[in-house]
Amino acid sequence: MRTTAIKKTFPLAISAIPFGIVMGTSTFNAQFDTIQMLYMNLMMFAGASQLAFIELFLVNSPNLIILISCLLINSRMFL
C-alpha cells in the first residue's frame, strides 16, 4: 500500500521540488525568517500568489495592493 501511494504522488513531488527551490531562494533574498516563510506557505495556496507577495513586499507596495493581488491570484482556484 505504501509503495502504491509513493508511485502515485511521485509526479507531484517532481514538480514541487523546483518550486521549493525558487521559493526558498526568493524568501532568502527577501530576508524572511524560516517561520515567516512557513507561515506564508501555510496561509497562501497558490504558488504564484506567494511569489507575487514577495515581489510586491520587496518594492514596498501598500498592504491593500498586496492583499488584493494575492486574493485575485488565489481566486482562480474557485473556477
Protein backbone atom coordinates (compact mmCIF):
# COMPACT_ATOMS: atom_id res chain seq x y z
CA MET A 1 0.00 0.00 0.00
CA ARG A 2 2.80 2.43 0.86
CA THR A 3 4.63 1.84 -2.42
CA THR A 4 1.40 2.47 -4.34
CA ALA A 5 0.99 5.86 -2.64
CA ILE A 6 4.60 6.75 -3.38
CA LYS A 7 4.18 5.81 -7.04
CA LYS A 8 1.01 7.90 -7.34
CA THR A 9 2.45 11.02 -5.70
CA PHE A 10 5.89 10.89 -7.30
CA PRO A 11 4.97 13.12 -10.31
CA LEU A 12 3.69 15.78 -7.91
CA ALA A 13 6.89 15.64 -5.89
CA ILE A 14 8.99 16.08 -9.02
CA SER A 15 7.13 19.28 -9.90
CA ALA A 16 7.21 20.57 -6.31
CA ILE A 17 10.98 20.35 -5.89
CA PRO A 18 11.89 23.12 -8.38
CA PHE A 19 9.19 25.38 -6.95
CA GLY A 20 10.55 24.78 -3.46
CA ILE A 21 13.98 25.84 -4.64
CA VAL A 22 12.56 29.01 -6.23
CA MET A 23 10.55 29.87 -3.10
CA GLY A 24 13.49 29.20 -0.82
CA THR A 25 15.75 31.41 -2.89
CA SER A 26 13.15 34.18 -3.14
CA THR A 27 12.39 34.24 0.56
CA PHE A 28 16.09 34.13 1.39
CA ASN A 29 16.72 37.13 -0.88
CA ALA A 30 13.79 38.93 0.77
CA GLN A 31 15.39 38.19 4.16
CA PHE A 32 12.36 36.32 5.51
CA ASP A 33 12.82 34.15 8.58
CA THR A 34 12.07 30.45 8.34
CA ILE A 35 8.95 30.93 10.46
CA GLN A 36 7.72 33.73 8.19
CA MET A 37 8.27 31.59 5.11
CA LEU A 38 6.47 28.61 6.63
CA TYR A 39 3.54 30.76 7.76
CA MET A 40 3.23 32.31 4.31
CA ASN A 41 3.23 28.87 2.69
CA LEU A 42 0.51 27.68 5.06
CA MET A 43 -1.68 30.75 4.52
CA MET A 44 -1.41 31.04 0.72
CA PHE A 45 -2.39 28.14 -1.50
CA ALA A 46 -1.22 29.35 -4.92
CA GLY A 47 2.50 29.47 -5.55
CA ALA A 48 2.02 32.36 -7.93
CA SER A 49 0.47 34.45 -5.17
CA GLN A 50 3.40 33.62 -2.89
CA LEU A 51 5.86 34.87 -5.50
CA ALA A 52 3.72 37.95 -6.16
CA PHE A 53 3.60 38.67 -2.42
CA ILE A 54 7.38 38.54 -2.16
CA GLU A 55 7.89 40.81 -5.18
CA LEU A 56 5.31 43.35 -4.00
CA PHE A 57 6.71 43.23 -0.48
CA LEU A 58 10.23 43.94 -1.74
CA VAL A 59 9.16 47.09 -3.61
CA ASN A 60 7.25 48.38 -0.54
CA SER A 61 3.80 48.22 -2.10
CA PRO A 62 0.86 49.23 0.09
CA ASN A 63 -0.63 46.39 2.11
CA LEU A 64 -4.00 46.75 0.40
CA ILE A 65 -2.41 46.27 -3.03
CA ILE A 66 -0.58 43.16 -1.81
CA LEU A 67 -3.78 41.76 -0.30
CA ILE A 68 -5.90 42.40 -3.39
CA SER A 69 -3.25 40.97 -5.70
CA CYS A 70 -2.92 37.78 -3.69
CA LEU A 71 -6.70 37.39 -3.39
CA LEU A 72 -7.16 37.80 -7.15
CA ILE A 73 -4.46 35.28 -7.92
CA ASN A 74 -5.94 32.81 -5.44
CA SER A 75 -9.47 33.38 -6.76
CA ARG A 76 -8.65 31.29 -9.82
CA MET A 77 -8.85 28.24 -7.54
CA PHE A 78 -12.62 28.80 -7.30
CA LEU A 79 -13.20 28.45 -11.04
